[in-house]
Amino acid sequence: MLVVGDNESGKTNLLRLVTRTIRERYSATEARVVVVDPRRGLFNAIPEEQRLGYAVTGESAREMMMAAAAALKPRLPGPEVTPEQLRERSWWTGPELFVVIDDYDLLSSSGGGGPLSPLMEMLPHGADIGFHLILARGAGGFSRAMGEPALRMLIDANTPSMVLSCPPSEGVLFGSLRPQRLPPGRALRFDRRDPVKVQLALDPETEEADARG
């Protein structure tokens, strides 16, 4: 899933909802999570026994993506994998891998195509190899950033996307979607179908943080 929005529009809250769902649905043996979190808003979102890695810089994120790519590469389906095995994902074993990235725009893109470049080969096969990417990025400059190979691949693959409040000056996004100002937590859900306006739930941890100040 790709998430785009202004500051204070609800991006981190949405990622907290996602990580809460992962914790509730999977045990530590069933799913592991890599968190990339420059502003440390997700520091306690995943318990240590389920957290495979935690990065706050572009360099450390890229190192983790390289390690994740090395772990996932043996899962890529070769010519010997039958259609039945592909449906059942029975040619590999291991936990699902979730990569959750907040504030992707704050990560350095130096060093060969951005932090996600080691995973480029894996992105088209995510459903088959148990790989899930949830990426949130600030709205500023997103129309220019869409040229980055990893983001371009996600967009071209019609990755389900949440577009929160964005400045109209960003122009047309995702083919024909024009960004608009929205209240915090309001978003347009965009995939292969027409955009649908949704209201995100408020994660209890977000509510507690807001109450503290």
Protein backbone atom coordinates (compact mmCIF):
# COMPACT_ATOMS: atom_id res chain seq x y z
CA MET A 1 0.00 0.00 0.00
CA LEU A 2 1.16 3.49 -0.86
CA VAL A 3 0.14 6.39 1.41
CA VAL A 4 0.57 10.05 0.44
CA GLY A 5 -0.38 13.11 2.46
CA ASP A 6 0.62 16.39 4.06
CA ASN A 7 2.01 16.67 7.58
CA GLU A 8 -0.65 16.02 10.23
CA SER A 9 -2.99 14.48 7.64
CA GLY A 10 -2.99 11.01 9.25
CA LYS A 11 -0.17 9.05 7.58
CA THR A 12 1.48 7.80 10.79
CA ASN A 13 -1.90 7.06 12.34
CA LEU A 14 -2.72 4.85 9.34
CA LEU A 15 0.58 2.99 9.71
CA ARG A 16 -0.19 2.44 13.40
CA LEU A 17 -3.51 0.91 12.38
CA VAL A 18 -1.69 -1.37 9.95
CA THR A 19 0.91 -2.46 12.51
CA ARG A 20 -1.82 -3.05 15.10
CA THR A 21 -3.59 -5.35 12.65
CA ILE A 22 -0.33 -7.24 12.01
CA ARG A 23 0.19 -7.74 15.76
CA GLU A 24 -3.37 -8.96 16.25
CA ARG A 25 -3.47 -11.29 13.23
CA TYR A 26 0.01 -12.85 13.26
CA SER A 27 2.28 -14.33 15.88
CA ALA A 28 6.03 -13.63 15.87
CA THR A 29 6.62 -16.95 14.08
CA GLU A 30 4.02 -16.17 11.42
CA ALA A 31 5.11 -12.63 10.50
CA ARG A 32 8.14 -10.42 10.98
CA VAL A 33 8.23 -6.67 10.46
CA VAL A 34 10.90 -4.25 9.31
CA VAL A 35 10.14 -0.65 10.31
CA VAL A 36 11.75 2.39 8.67
CA ASP A 37 10.83 5.42 10.75
CA PRO A 38 12.92 8.62 10.46
CA ARG A 39 10.75 10.56 12.92
CA ARG A 40 10.39 7.60 15.33
CA GLY A 41 6.60 7.81 15.37
CA LEU A 42 6.33 4.02 15.15
CA PHE A 43 8.99 3.16 17.71
CA ASN A 44 6.65 1.04 19.87
CA ALA A 45 4.32 -0.09 17.09
CA ILE A 46 5.79 -3.59 16.81
CA PRO A 47 7.02 -5.66 19.79
CA GLU A 48 10.69 -6.61 19.75
CA GLU A 49 10.03 -10.31 19.29
CA GLN A 50 8.20 -9.57 16.04
CA ARG A 51 10.38 -6.71 14.82
CA LEU A 52 13.07 -7.88 12.43
CA GLY A 53 14.71 -4.46 12.11
CA TYR A 54 14.27 -0.77 12.83
CA ALA A 55 15.93 1.98 10.76
CA VAL A 56 15.84 5.75 11.02
CA THR A 57 18.23 6.77 8.21
CA GLY A 58 18.44 6.13 4.49
CA GLU A 59 21.72 4.25 4.87
CA SER A 60 20.45 1.90 7.58
CA ALA A 61 17.20 1.42 5.66
CA ARG A 62 19.07 0.41 2.54
CA GLU A 63 21.12 -2.11 4.53
CA MET A 64 17.92 -3.64 5.88
CA MET A 65 16.37 -3.76 2.41
CA MET A 66 19.46 -5.60 1.15
CA ALA A 67 19.10 -8.14 3.98
CA ALA A 68 15.38 -8.49 3.26
CA ALA A 69 16.08 -9.02 -0.45
CA ALA A 70 18.62 -11.73 0.36
CA ALA A 71 16.06 -13.53 2.53
CA LEU A 72 13.28 -13.23 -0.05
CA LYS A 73 15.24 -14.11 -3.17
CA PRO A 74 15.15 -17.89 -2.54
CA ARG A 75 11.34 -17.63 -2.46
CA LEU A 76 11.09 -16.31 -6.04
CA PRO A 77 9.22 -18.87 -8.15
CA GLY A 78 11.46 -20.65 -10.62
CA PRO A 79 10.40 -22.55 -13.76
CA GLU A 80 9.92 -25.73 -11.75
CA VAL A 81 7.10 -24.19 -9.65
CA THR A 82 3.72 -25.50 -10.79
CA PRO A 83 0.52 -23.39 -11.02
CA GLU A 84 -0.86 -25.32 -8.03
CA GLN A 85 2.23 -24.56 -5.96
CA LEU A 86 1.97 -20.93 -7.01
CA ARG A 87 -1.62 -20.74 -5.79
CA GLU A 88 -0.80 -22.47 -2.50
CA ARG A 89 2.64 -20.85 -2.03
CA SER A 90 3.87 -24.28 -1.03
CA TRP A 91 7.40 -24.18 -2.46
CA TRP A 92 8.75 -22.04 0.40
CA THR A 93 8.33 -21.85 4.15
CA GLY A 94 8.80 -19.07 6.67
CA PRO A 95 7.05 -16.01 8.06
CA GLU A 96 5.34 -13.27 6.09
CA LEU A 97 7.59 -10.22 5.80
CA PHE A 98 6.11 -6.75 6.25
CA VAL A 99 8.18 -3.67 5.43
CA VAL A 100 6.56 -0.56 6.92
CA ILE A 101 8.08 2.79 5.93
CA ASP A 102 7.03 6.19 7.25
CA ASP A 103 8.27 9.54 5.89
CA TYR A 104 9.91 7.95 2.86
CA ASP A 105 10.67 11.44 1.51
CA LEU A 106 13.10 12.01 4.42
CA LEU A 107 15.32 9.11 3.42
CA SER A 108 18.36 9.81 1.29
CA SER A 109 18.05 8.60 -2.28
CA SER A 110 21.81 8.48 -2.77
CA GLY A 111 23.63 5.22 -3.41
CA GLY A 112 21.86 3.92 -6.48
CA GLY A 113 18.15 4.54 -6.80
CA GLY A 114 16.87 4.93 -3.27
CA PRO A 115 16.52 2.69 -0.21
CA LEU A 116 14.06 0.36 -1.94
CA SER A 117 16.26 -0.45 -4.91
CA PRO A 118 17.47 -3.81 -3.43
CA LEU A 119 13.84 -4.98 -3.39
CA MET A 120 12.97 -4.03 -6.96
CA GLU A 121 13.11 -7.64 -8.12
CA MET A 122 10.77 -8.71 -5.32
CA LEU A 123 8.04 -6.07 -5.71
CA PRO A 124 6.12 -7.73 -8.59
CA HIS A 125 6.08 -11.07 -6.73
CA GLY A 126 4.97 -9.87 -3.30
CA ALA A 127 1.72 -11.86 -3.17
CA ASP A 128 3.55 -15.07 -4.11
CA ILE A 129 6.48 -14.80 -1.72
CA GLY A 130 4.85 -13.38 1.40
CA PHE A 131 6.25 -9.87 1.00
CA HIS A 132 4.17 -6.83 1.97
CA LEU A 133 5.24 -3.20 1.56
CA ILE A 134 3.40 -0.34 3.25
CA LEU A 135 5.01 2.99 2.36
CA ALA A 136 3.99 6.48 3.46
CA ARG A 137 5.40 9.63 1.89
CA GLY A 138 4.84 13.35 2.32
CA ALA A 139 2.81 15.07 -0.37
CA GLY A 140 5.37 17.78 -1.10
CA GLY A 141 7.19 17.02 -4.33
CA PHE A 142 5.41 13.72 -4.86
CA SER A 143 4.62 14.44 -8.50
CA ARG A 144 8.37 14.76 -9.16
CA ALA A 145 9.26 11.76 -7.00
CA MET A 146 6.99 9.47 -9.04
CA GLY A 147 9.90 9.08 -11.43
CA GLU A 148 11.86 7.08 -8.82
CA PRO A 149 11.95 3.47 -10.09
CA ALA A 150 10.46 1.85 -6.97
CA LEU A 151 7.60 4.34 -6.69
CA ARG A 152 7.00 4.14 -10.42
CA MET A 153 6.74 0.36 -10.21
CA LEU A 154 4.25 0.56 -7.35
CA ILE A 155 2.10 3.08 -9.21
CA ASP A 156 2.22 1.18 -12.52
CA ALA A 157 1.19 -2.00 -10.67
CA ASN A 158 -1.97 -0.24 -9.39
CA THR A 159 -0.84 -0.69 -5.80
CA PRO A 160 -3.74 0.18 -3.45
CA SER A 161 -3.13 3.76 -2.37
CA MET A 162 -4.44 6.15 0.24
CA VAL A 163 -4.27 9.82 -0.71
CA LEU A 164 -4.86 12.03 2.31
CA SER A 165 -4.87 15.81 2.25
CA CYS A 166 -2.48 17.05 -0.44
CA PRO A 167 -1.83 20.48 -1.96
CA PRO A 168 -3.63 20.91 -5.31
CA SER A 169 -0.38 22.34 -6.68
CA GLU A 170 0.98 18.78 -6.95
CA GLY A 171 -1.12 18.36 -10.09
CA VAL A 172 -2.48 15.05 -11.33
CA LEU A 173 -1.52 11.94 -9.32
CA PHE A 174 -2.06 8.26 -10.12
CA GLY A 175 -3.19 8.81 -13.68
CA SER A 176 -6.22 11.07 -13.24
CA LEU A 177 -6.54 11.79 -9.52
CA ARG A 178 -6.28 15.44 -8.56
CA PRO A 179 -5.17 16.02 -4.95
CA GLN A 180 -7.33 18.10 -2.66
CA ARG A 181 -7.36 19.52 0.84
CA LEU A 182 -9.07 17.14 3.24
CA PRO A 183 -9.64 17.04 7.02
CA PRO A 184 -7.14 14.91 8.99
CA GLY A 185 -7.98 11.22 8.62
CA ARG A 186 -10.04 11.69 5.47
CA ALA A 187 -8.60 10.04 2.38
CA LEU A 188 -9.25 8.89 -1.15
CA ARG A 189 -8.65 5.16 -1.58
CA PHE A 190 -7.34 4.50 -5.04
CA ASP A 191 -6.70 1.22 -6.85
CA ARG A 192 -7.90 -0.26 -10.12
CA ARG A 193 -11.35 1.23 -9.55
CA ASP A 194 -12.53 4.80 -9.21
CA PRO A 195 -11.32 6.63 -6.07
CA VAL A 196 -13.50 6.14 -2.99
CA LYS A 197 -13.59 8.65 -0.14
CA VAL A 198 -12.94 6.99 3.24
CA GLN A 199 -12.59 8.04 6.87
CA LEU A 200 -9.72 6.39 8.73
CA ALA A 201 -10.15 5.12 12.26
CA LEU A 202 -8.17 6.80 15.02
CA ASP A 203 -5.63 4.45 16.54
CA PRO A 204 -5.75 4.52 20.38
CA GLU A 205 -2.01 5.26 20.56
CA THR A 206 -2.47 8.28 18.29
CA GLU A 207 -5.33 9.48 20.48
CA GLU A 208 -3.21 9.11 23.63
CA ALA A 209 -0.31 10.98 22.02
CA ASP A 210 -2.63 13.82 21.00
CA ALA A 211 -4.06 13.99 24.53
CA ARG A 212 -0.56 14.29 26.00
CA GLY A 213 0.13 17.29 23.92
